[in-house]
Amino acid sequence: MLIAIFAVVTIHCDIWKIGSEGLVIDALARFSVITFFLIFGYYSFYTDDSKALTSYKRKLNISIKILLIAAVLYLVYMAFTQLPTLLSELNLNALFNLIIFNVTPFGLHHLWFLLVLIYCFIIYYVLIKLQVKPNTLYKFIPILIIFSLVIGEFLTLFIGEFFGYKSVELSFLTLKYYRNFLVMGLPFFTLGYLIHDKKDILTEKISNSFLIAFGIFGLLLTILEVIVVGKLDVYIGTIIFSVCIFIWCVKKSRYT
């Protein structure tokens, strides 16, 4: 957890700007985003629906309060320092992007994760209320992850080459289409939920050596992807590494 926190800080330091070494560090640090979704999903698993509803409601209240406090602080700061920018972002397009794509305006861009997390809690809360088991979402995990990779990586590779965009430029252009609750948040949140649901099977059937080997493979693949594609938010290798290291931690923990 502590390593993942430092990795998030590294991402927001824009270390990719220092060159190829920075791009690799930035890419490797992105395991943290996936890992945090896995963690929240993992600890959102309940066999008792009433406990699940109580927990989701509590987590929703906490997340919304944090988001609102941060939003107010940023708005006050921008009102005094960047009023023209603030006023320019008060429009229907910004509202649409906020609701549909979870693009947070007014300098709140780094809080997209919190907004996506709120959407995940709402979806799970509604499912339980409708007496629909969240495991019905399992079949959508590979579809949504593939969609995320198609937009986030393959689009960057092929369209970027065709139209002459640099990977950094194109990653910012396509960002909202894959860094949102549906494509980024829900599949990894649900994957964490699934790992808890199938914990006994996974920890028994998958060996530590397999997880370590595939985790290392994921790291090496991430570096290769950086060399071939460039800067992205999601890499195939990062997904492999994050899932392997997470399951390995579940196997090693006594509190799960």
C-alpha atoms as a PDB file:
ATOM      1  CA  MET A   1       0.000   0.000   0.000  1.00  0.00           C
ATOM      2  CA  LEU A   2       2.771   2.446   0.979  1.00  0.00           C
ATOM      3  CA  ILE A   3       4.651   1.753  -2.274  1.00  0.00           C
ATOM      4  CA  ALA A   4       1.459   2.379  -4.257  1.00  0.00           C
ATOM      5  CA  ILE A   5       0.952   5.722  -2.477  1.00  0.00           C
ATOM      6  CA  PHE A   6       4.475   6.859  -3.390  1.00  0.00           C
ATOM      7  CA  ALA A   7       3.868   5.641  -6.953  1.00  0.00           C
ATOM      8  CA  VAL A   8       0.788   7.883  -7.218  1.00  0.00           C
ATOM      9  CA  VAL A   9       2.865  10.856  -6.051  1.00  0.00           C
ATOM     10  CA  THR A  10       5.487   9.966  -8.683  1.00  0.00           C
ATOM     11  CA  ILE A  11       2.850  10.017 -11.434  1.00  0.00           C
ATOM     12  CA  HIS A  12       1.714  13.514 -10.438  1.00  0.00           C
ATOM     13  CA  CYS A  13       5.278  14.848 -10.432  1.00  0.00           C
ATOM     14  CA  ASP A  14       5.239  14.650 -14.268  1.00  0.00           C
ATOM     15  CA  ILE A  15       8.460  12.670 -14.132  1.00  0.00           C
ATOM     16  CA  TRP A  16       7.877  11.562 -17.749  1.00  0.00           C
ATOM     17  CA  LYS A  17       9.039  15.002 -18.879  1.00  0.00           C
ATOM     18  CA  ILE A  18      12.685  14.288 -18.007  1.00  0.00           C
ATOM     19  CA  GLY A  19      13.089  11.826 -20.890  1.00  0.00           C
ATOM     20  CA  SER A  20      12.974   8.106 -21.608  1.00  0.00           C
ATOM     21  CA  GLU A  21      13.964   7.142 -18.059  1.00  0.00           C
ATOM     22  CA  GLY A  22      11.142   9.283 -16.727  1.00  0.00           C
ATOM     23  CA  LEU A  23       8.665   7.656 -19.110  1.00  0.00           C
ATOM     24  CA  VAL A  24       9.636   4.198 -17.852  1.00  0.00           C
ATOM     25  CA  ILE A  25       9.346   5.259 -14.189  1.00  0.00           C
ATOM     26  CA  ASP A  26       5.966   6.884 -14.899  1.00  0.00           C
ATOM     27  CA  ALA A  27       4.727   3.735 -16.654  1.00  0.00           C
ATOM     28  CA  LEU A  28       5.863   1.405 -13.867  1.00  0.00           C
ATOM     29  CA  ALA A  29       4.304   3.689 -11.246  1.00  0.00           C
ATOM     30  CA  ARG A  30       0.902   3.364 -12.923  1.00  0.00           C
ATOM     31  CA  PHE A  31       0.384  -0.025 -11.326  1.00  0.00           C
ATOM     32  CA  SER A  32      -0.778   2.013  -8.321  1.00  0.00           C
ATOM     33  CA  VAL A  33      -3.987   3.240  -9.982  1.00  0.00           C
ATOM     34  CA  ILE A  34      -5.104  -0.272 -10.923  1.00  0.00           C
ATOM     35  CA  THR A  35      -4.030  -1.589  -7.517  1.00  0.00           C
ATOM     36  CA  PHE A  36      -6.133   0.951  -5.629  1.00  0.00           C
ATOM     37  CA  PHE A  37      -9.212   0.020  -7.667  1.00  0.00           C
ATOM     38  CA  LEU A  38      -8.482  -3.639  -6.895  1.00  0.00           C
ATOM     39  CA  ILE A  39      -8.169  -2.832  -3.185  1.00  0.00           C
ATOM     40  CA  PHE A  40     -11.442  -0.905  -3.015  1.00  0.00           C
ATOM     41  CA  GLY A  41     -13.235  -3.631  -4.970  1.00  0.00           C
ATOM     42  CA  TYR A  42     -11.711  -6.356  -2.805  1.00  0.00           C
ATOM     43  CA  TYR A  43     -12.929  -4.753   0.409  1.00  0.00           C
ATOM     44  CA  SER A  44     -16.372  -4.107  -1.079  1.00  0.00           C
ATOM     45  CA  PHE A  45     -17.203  -7.812  -1.111  1.00  0.00           C
ATOM     46  CA  TYR A  46     -19.915  -8.871   1.324  1.00  0.00           C
ATOM     47  CA  THR A  47     -22.018 -11.997   1.582  1.00  0.00           C
ATOM     48  CA  ASP A  48     -24.636 -10.106   3.596  1.00  0.00           C
ATOM     49  CA  ASP A  49     -26.608  -7.590   1.511  1.00  0.00           C
ATOM     50  CA  SER A  50     -27.561  -5.396   4.472  1.00  0.00           C
ATOM     51  CA  LYS A  51     -23.894  -5.061   5.485  1.00  0.00           C
ATOM     52  CA  ALA A  52     -23.005  -4.295   1.876  1.00  0.00           C
ATOM     53  CA  LEU A  53     -25.593  -1.500   1.637  1.00  0.00           C
ATOM     54  CA  THR A  54     -24.458   0.023   4.936  1.00  0.00           C
ATOM     55  CA  SER A  55     -20.811  -0.116   3.871  1.00  0.00           C
ATOM     56  CA  TYR A  56     -21.404   1.329   0.393  1.00  0.00           C
ATOM     57  CA  LYS A  57     -23.496   4.152   1.832  1.00  0.00           C
ATOM     58  CA  ARG A  58     -20.806   5.007   4.382  1.00  0.00           C
ATOM     59  CA  LYS A  59     -18.033   4.922   1.778  1.00  0.00           C
ATOM     60  CA  LEU A  60     -20.138   7.050  -0.562  1.00  0.00           C
ATOM     61  CA  ASN A  61     -20.693   9.682   2.122  1.00  0.00           C
ATOM     62  CA  ILE A  62     -16.985   9.840   2.955  1.00  0.00           C
ATOM     63  CA  SER A  63     -15.894   9.995  -0.700  1.00  0.00           C
ATOM     64  CA  ILE A  64     -18.437  12.682  -1.609  1.00  0.00           C
ATOM     65  CA  LYS A  65     -17.448  14.821   1.389  1.00  0.00           C
ATOM     66  CA  ILE A  66     -13.758  14.615   0.468  1.00  0.00           C
ATOM     67  CA  LEU A  67     -14.528  15.506  -3.151  1.00  0.00           C
ATOM     68  CA  LEU A  68     -16.732  18.469  -2.176  1.00  0.00           C
ATOM     69  CA  ILE A  69     -14.189  19.838   0.301  1.00  0.00           C
ATOM     70  CA  ALA A  70     -11.426  19.590  -2.314  1.00  0.00           C
ATOM     71  CA  ALA A  71     -13.671  21.193  -4.947  1.00  0.00           C
ATOM     72  CA  VAL A  72     -14.545  24.148  -2.699  1.00  0.00           C
ATOM     73  CA  LEU A  73     -10.891  24.738  -1.798  1.00  0.00           C
ATOM     74  CA  TYR A  74      -9.833  24.648  -5.457  1.00  0.00           C
ATOM     75  CA  LEU A  75     -12.692  26.919  -6.523  1.00  0.00           C
ATOM     76  CA  VAL A  76     -11.796  29.509  -3.893  1.00  0.00           C
ATOM     77  CA  TYR A  77      -8.127  29.336  -4.874  1.00  0.00           C
ATOM     78  CA  MET A  78      -8.907  29.674  -8.596  1.00  0.00           C
ATOM     79  CA  ALA A  79     -11.365  32.506  -7.977  1.00  0.00           C
ATOM     80  CA  PHE A  80      -8.488  34.549  -6.562  1.00  0.00           C
ATOM     81  CA  THR A  81      -5.698  33.390  -8.878  1.00  0.00           C
ATOM     82  CA  GLN A  82      -7.205  32.219 -12.190  1.00  0.00           C
ATOM     83  CA  LEU A  83     -10.674  33.734 -12.443  1.00  0.00           C
ATOM     84  CA  PRO A  84     -10.776  33.878 -16.298  1.00  0.00           C
ATOM     85  CA  THR A  85      -9.875  30.165 -16.506  1.00  0.00           C
ATOM     86  CA  LEU A  86     -12.494  29.334 -13.889  1.00  0.00           C
ATOM     87  CA  LEU A  87     -15.228  31.218 -15.749  1.00  0.00           C
ATOM     88  CA  SER A  88     -14.246  29.660 -19.084  1.00  0.00           C
ATOM     89  CA  GLU A  89     -14.840  26.178 -17.659  1.00  0.00           C
ATOM     90  CA  LEU A  90     -18.338  26.968 -16.394  1.00  0.00           C
ATOM     91  CA  ASN A  91     -20.277  25.574 -19.342  1.00  0.00           C
ATOM     92  CA  LEU A  92     -22.520  22.683 -20.391  1.00  0.00           C
ATOM     93  CA  ASN A  93     -19.668  20.884 -22.140  1.00  0.00           C
ATOM     94  CA  ALA A  94     -17.693  20.743 -18.884  1.00  0.00           C
ATOM     95  CA  LEU A  95     -20.794  19.449 -17.075  1.00  0.00           C
ATOM     96  CA  PHE A  96     -21.323  16.773 -19.749  1.00  0.00           C
ATOM     97  CA  ASN A  97     -17.693  15.637 -19.524  1.00  0.00           C
ATOM     98  CA  LEU A  98     -17.953  15.567 -15.723  1.00  0.00           C
ATOM     99  CA  ILE A  99     -21.075  13.385 -15.637  1.00  0.00           C
ATOM    100  CA  ILE A 100     -20.347  11.070 -18.579  1.00  0.00           C
ATOM    101  CA  PHE A 101     -16.543  10.873 -18.700  1.00  0.00           C
ATOM    102  CA  ASN A 102     -15.651  11.880 -15.110  1.00  0.00           C
ATOM    103  CA  VAL A 103     -13.431  14.700 -16.368  1.00  0.00           C
ATOM    104  CA  THR A 104     -13.075  16.985 -13.354  1.00  0.00           C
ATOM    105  CA  PRO A 105     -12.678  20.674 -14.333  1.00  0.00           C
ATOM    106  CA  PHE A 106     -11.307  23.661 -12.374  1.00  0.00           C
ATOM    107  CA  GLY A 107      -7.887  22.132 -11.770  1.00  0.00           C
ATOM    108  CA  LEU A 108      -9.385  19.077 -10.076  1.00  0.00           C
ATOM    109  CA  HIS A 109      -8.056  16.722 -12.754  1.00  0.00           C
ATOM    110  CA  HIS A 110      -6.126  14.536 -10.333  1.00  0.00           C
ATOM    111  CA  LEU A 111      -9.345  13.831  -8.392  1.00  0.00           C
ATOM    112  CA  TRP A 112     -10.873  11.863 -11.276  1.00  0.00           C
ATOM    113  CA  PHE A 113     -10.096   8.686  -9.305  1.00  0.00           C
ATOM    114  CA  LEU A 114     -12.331   9.745  -6.433  1.00  0.00           C
ATOM    115  CA  LEU A 115     -15.212  10.575  -8.765  1.00  0.00           C
ATOM    116  CA  VAL A 116     -14.839   7.225 -10.550  1.00  0.00           C
ATOM    117  CA  LEU A 117     -14.797   5.468  -7.181  1.00  0.00           C
ATOM    118  CA  ILE A 118     -18.039   7.224  -6.222  1.00  0.00           C
ATOM    119  CA  TYR A 119     -19.648   5.935  -9.427  1.00  0.00           C
ATOM    120  CA  CYS A 120     -18.504   2.385  -8.597  1.00  0.00           C
ATOM    121  CA  PHE A 121     -20.023   2.552  -5.115  1.00  0.00           C
ATOM    122  CA  ILE A 122     -23.271   3.922  -6.553  1.00  0.00           C
ATOM    123  CA  ILE A 123     -23.457   1.116  -9.137  1.00  0.00           C
ATOM    124  CA  TYR A 124     -22.861  -1.568  -6.514  1.00  0.00           C
ATOM    125  CA  TYR A 125     -25.335   0.051  -4.120  1.00  0.00           C
ATOM    126  CA  VAL A 126     -28.033   0.142  -6.818  1.00  0.00           C
ATOM    127  CA  LEU A 127     -27.342  -3.478  -7.809  1.00  0.00           C
ATOM    128  CA  ILE A 128     -27.782  -4.690  -4.228  1.00  0.00           C
ATOM    129  CA  LYS A 129     -30.914  -2.545  -3.825  1.00  0.00           C
ATOM    130  CA  LEU A 130     -32.351  -4.175  -6.947  1.00  0.00           C
ATOM    131  CA  GLN A 131     -31.361  -7.572  -5.520  1.00  0.00           C
ATOM    132  CA  VAL A 132     -28.918  -8.157  -8.369  1.00  0.00           C
ATOM    133  CA  LYS A 133     -25.680  -9.851  -7.326  1.00  0.00           C
ATOM    134  CA  PRO A 134     -22.555  -7.858  -8.303  1.00  0.00           C
ATOM    135  CA  ASN A 135     -21.033 -11.070  -9.674  1.00  0.00           C
ATOM    136  CA  THR A 136     -23.233 -10.514 -12.738  1.00  0.00           C
ATOM    137  CA  LEU A 137     -20.615  -7.919 -13.697  1.00  0.00           C
ATOM    138  CA  TYR A 138     -17.824 -10.517 -13.889  1.00  0.00           C
ATOM    139  CA  LYS A 139     -18.467 -11.275 -17.556  1.00  0.00           C
ATOM    140  CA  PHE A 140     -17.958  -7.616 -18.462  1.00  0.00           C
ATOM    141  CA  ILE A 141     -14.467  -7.397 -16.924  1.00  0.00           C
ATOM    142  CA  PRO A 142     -12.493  -8.662 -19.979  1.00  0.00           C
ATOM    143  CA  ILE A 143     -14.695  -6.699 -22.405  1.00  0.00           C
ATOM    144  CA  LEU A 144     -14.171  -3.393 -20.594  1.00  0.00           C
ATOM    145  CA  ILE A 145     -10.434  -3.965 -20.063  1.00  0.00           C
ATOM    146  CA  ILE A 146      -9.962  -4.783 -23.755  1.00  0.00           C
ATOM    147  CA  PHE A 147     -11.942  -1.654 -24.648  1.00  0.00           C
ATOM    148  CA  SER A 148      -9.693   0.374 -22.359  1.00  0.00           C
ATOM    149  CA  LEU A 149      -6.578  -1.033 -24.028  1.00  0.00           C
ATOM    150  CA  VAL A 150      -7.975  -0.509 -27.532  1.00  0.00           C
ATOM    151  CA  ILE A 151      -8.632   3.171 -26.836  1.00  0.00           C
ATOM    152  CA  GLY A 152      -5.706   3.825 -24.543  1.00  0.00           C
ATOM    153  CA  GLU A 153      -2.915   1.891 -26.229  1.00  0.00           C
ATOM    154  CA  PHE A 154      -3.710   0.601 -29.706  1.00  0.00           C
ATOM    155  CA  LEU A 155      -5.422   3.829 -30.760  1.00  0.00           C
ATOM    156  CA  THR A 156      -2.370   5.728 -29.595  1.00  0.00           C
ATOM    157  CA  LEU A 157      -0.064   3.392 -31.520  1.00  0.00           C
ATOM    158  CA  PHE A 158      -1.856   3.140 -34.866  1.00  0.00           C
ATOM    159  CA  ILE A 159      -3.682   6.467 -35.211  1.00  0.00           C
ATOM    160  CA  GLY A 160      -0.720   8.274 -33.690  1.00  0.00           C
ATOM    161  CA  GLU A 161       1.563   6.836 -36.344  1.00  0.00           C
ATOM    162  CA  PHE A 162      -0.940   7.509 -39.142  1.00  0.00           C
ATOM    163  CA  PHE A 163      -1.692  11.145 -38.287  1.00  0.00           C
ATOM    164  CA  GLY A 164       1.711  11.981 -36.878  1.00  0.00           C
ATOM    165  CA  TYR A 165       0.659  12.625 -33.287  1.00  0.00           C
ATOM    166  CA  LYS A 166       3.189  12.050 -30.544  1.00  0.00           C
ATOM    167  CA  SER A 167       2.035   9.504 -27.965  1.00  0.00           C
ATOM    168  CA  VAL A 168       1.864  12.192 -25.268  1.00  0.00           C
ATOM    169  CA  GLU A 169      -0.360  14.413 -27.433  1.00  0.00           C
ATOM    170  CA  LEU A 170      -2.705  11.591 -28.401  1.00  0.00           C
ATOM    171  CA  SER A 171      -2.905  10.166 -24.882  1.00  0.00           C
ATOM    172  CA  PHE A 172      -4.299  13.500 -23.696  1.00  0.00           C
ATOM    173  CA  LEU A 173      -6.763  13.612 -26.614  1.00  0.00           C
ATOM    174  CA  THR A 174      -8.154  10.135 -25.900  1.00  0.00           C
ATOM    175  CA  LEU A 175      -7.843  10.343 -22.114  1.00  0.00           C
ATOM    176  CA  LYS A 176     -11.489  10.916 -21.251  1.00  0.00           C
ATOM    177  CA  TYR A 177     -12.616   7.926 -23.306  1.00  0.00           C
ATOM    178  CA  TYR A 178     -10.768   5.395 -21.180  1.00  0.00           C
ATOM    179  CA  ARG A 179     -10.090   7.136 -17.857  1.00  0.00           C
ATOM    180  CA  ASN A 180     -13.656   6.986 -16.596  1.00  0.00           C
ATOM    181  CA  PHE A 181     -15.887   4.852 -14.376  1.00  0.00           C
ATOM    182  CA  LEU A 182     -17.013   2.486 -17.129  1.00  0.00           C
ATOM    183  CA  VAL A 183     -13.717   1.630 -18.787  1.00  0.00           C
ATOM    184  CA  MET A 184     -11.132   2.178 -16.063  1.00  0.00           C
ATOM    185  CA  GLY A 185     -12.938   2.069 -12.740  1.00  0.00           C
ATOM    186  CA  LEU A 186     -15.636  -0.585 -12.952  1.00  0.00           C
ATOM    187  CA  PRO A 187     -13.599  -3.454 -14.493  1.00  0.00           C
ATOM    188  CA  PHE A 188     -10.724  -3.234 -11.992  1.00  0.00           C
ATOM    189  CA  PHE A 189     -13.034  -2.526  -9.048  1.00  0.00           C
ATOM    190  CA  THR A 190     -15.069  -5.592 -10.027  1.00  0.00           C
ATOM    191  CA  LEU A 191     -11.898  -7.617 -10.540  1.00  0.00           C
ATOM    192  CA  GLY A 192     -10.917  -6.840  -6.948  1.00  0.00           C
ATOM    193  CA  TYR A 193     -14.403  -7.911  -5.856  1.00  0.00           C
ATOM    194  CA  LEU A 194     -14.004 -11.143  -7.838  1.00  0.00           C
ATOM    195  CA  ILE A 195     -10.600 -11.862  -6.277  1.00  0.00           C
ATOM    196  CA  HIS A 196     -12.188 -11.676  -2.822  1.00  0.00           C
ATOM    197  CA  ASP A 197     -15.144 -13.782  -3.957  1.00  0.00           C
ATOM    198  CA  LYS A 198     -12.859 -16.496  -5.383  1.00  0.00           C
ATOM    199  CA  LYS A 199     -10.063 -15.959  -2.868  1.00  0.00           C
ATOM    200  CA  ASP A 200      -9.870 -19.544  -1.646  1.00  0.00           C
ATOM    201  CA  ILE A 201      -9.696 -20.979  -5.166  1.00  0.00           C
ATOM    202  CA  LEU A 202      -7.145 -18.418  -6.386  1.00  0.00           C
ATOM    203  CA  THR A 203      -4.830 -18.720  -3.393  1.00  0.00           C
ATOM    204  CA  GLU A 204      -4.958 -22.504  -3.529  1.00  0.00           C
ATOM    205  CA  LYS A 205      -4.614 -23.027  -7.288  1.00  0.00           C
ATOM    206  CA  ILE A 206      -2.111 -20.284  -8.173  1.00  0.00           C
ATOM    207  CA  SER A 207       1.433 -20.733  -6.863  1.00  0.00           C
ATOM    208  CA  ASN A 208       3.680 -17.937  -5.615  1.00  0.00           C
ATOM    209  CA  SER A 209       6.298 -18.756  -8.251  1.00  0.00           C
ATOM    210  CA  PHE A 210       3.689 -18.370 -11.010  1.00  0.00           C
ATOM    211  CA  LEU A 211       2.604 -14.969  -9.659  1.00  0.00           C
ATOM    212  CA  ILE A 212       6.192 -13.748  -9.289  1.00  0.00           C
ATOM    213  CA  ALA A 213       7.169 -14.958 -12.775  1.00  0.00           C
ATOM    214  CA  PHE A 214       4.156 -13.346 -14.431  1.00  0.00           C
ATOM    215  CA  GLY A 215       4.614 -10.214 -12.321  1.00  0.00           C
ATOM    216  CA  ILE A 216       8.178  -9.836 -13.638  1.00  0.00           C
ATOM    217  CA  PHE A 217       6.899 -10.544 -17.156  1.00  0.00           C
ATOM    218  CA  GLY A 218       4.369  -7.727 -16.670  1.00  0.00           C
ATOM    219  CA  LEU A 219       7.115  -5.290 -15.643  1.00  0.00           C
ATOM    220  CA  LEU A 220       9.273  -6.177 -18.652  1.00  0.00           C
ATOM    221  CA  LEU A 221       6.276  -5.950 -20.990  1.00  0.00           C
ATOM    222  CA  THR A 222       5.464  -2.492 -19.602  1.00  0.00           C
ATOM    223  CA  ILE A 223       8.982  -1.271 -20.411  1.00  0.00           C
ATOM    224  CA  LEU A 224       8.662  -2.704 -23.934  1.00  0.00           C
ATOM    225  CA  GLU A 225       5.310  -0.958 -24.383  1.00  0.00           C
ATOM    226  CA  VAL A 226       6.842   2.356 -23.306  1.00  0.00           C
ATOM    227  CA  ILE A 227       9.572   1.934 -25.929  1.00  0.00           C
ATOM    228  CA  VAL A 228       7.105   1.012 -28.694  1.00  0.00           C
ATOM    229  CA  VAL A 229       4.067   3.165 -27.857  1.00  0.00           C
ATOM    230  CA  GLY A 230       5.193   5.855 -25.425  1.00  0.00           C
ATOM    231  CA  LYS A 231       3.258   7.525 -22.617  1.00  0.00           C
ATOM    232  CA  LEU A 232      -0.079   5.966 -21.662  1.00  0.00           C
ATOM    233  CA  ASP A 233      -2.301   5.620 -18.610  1.00  0.00           C
ATOM    234  CA  VAL A 234      -2.846   1.882 -19.039  1.00  0.00           C
ATOM    235  CA  TYR A 235      -0.401  -0.757 -20.268  1.00  0.00           C
ATOM    236  CA  ILE A 236      -1.032  -4.468 -20.771  1.00  0.00           C
ATOM    237  CA  GLY A 237       2.066  -5.193 -18.706  1.00  0.00           C
ATOM    238  CA  THR A 238       0.908  -2.931 -15.883  1.00  0.00           C
ATOM    239  CA  ILE A 239      -2.394  -4.803 -15.658  1.00  0.00           C
ATOM    240  CA  ILE A 240      -0.594  -8.163 -15.508  1.00  0.00           C
ATOM    241  CA  PHE A 241       1.843  -6.925 -12.857  1.00  0.00           C
ATOM    242  CA  SER A 242      -0.869  -5.273 -10.730  1.00  0.00           C
ATOM    243  CA  VAL A 243      -3.129  -8.332 -10.674  1.00  0.00           C
ATOM    244  CA  CYS A 244      -0.244 -10.727  -9.946  1.00  0.00           C
ATOM    245  CA  ILE A 245       1.206  -8.659  -7.123  1.00  0.00           C
ATOM    246  CA  PHE A 246      -2.260  -8.101  -5.651  1.00  0.00           C
ATOM    247  CA  ILE A 247      -3.127 -11.809  -5.574  1.00  0.00           C
ATOM    248  CA  TRP A 248       0.333 -12.523  -4.150  1.00  0.00           C
ATOM    249  CA  CYS A 249      -0.350 -10.015  -1.339  1.00  0.00           C
ATOM    250  CA  VAL A 250      -3.734 -11.644  -0.686  1.00  0.00           C
ATOM    251  CA  LYS A 251      -2.004 -15.020  -0.372  1.00  0.00           C
ATOM    252  CA  LYS A 252       0.555 -13.608   2.058  1.00  0.00           C
ATOM    253  CA  SER A 253      -1.825 -11.558   4.207  1.00  0.00           C
ATOM    254  CA  ARG A 254      -3.336 -12.932   7.393  1.00  0.00           C
ATOM    255  CA  TYR A 255      -6.072 -10.301   7.556  1.00  0.00           C
ATOM    256  CA  THR A 256      -8.002 -11.156   4.384  1.00  0.00           C
END
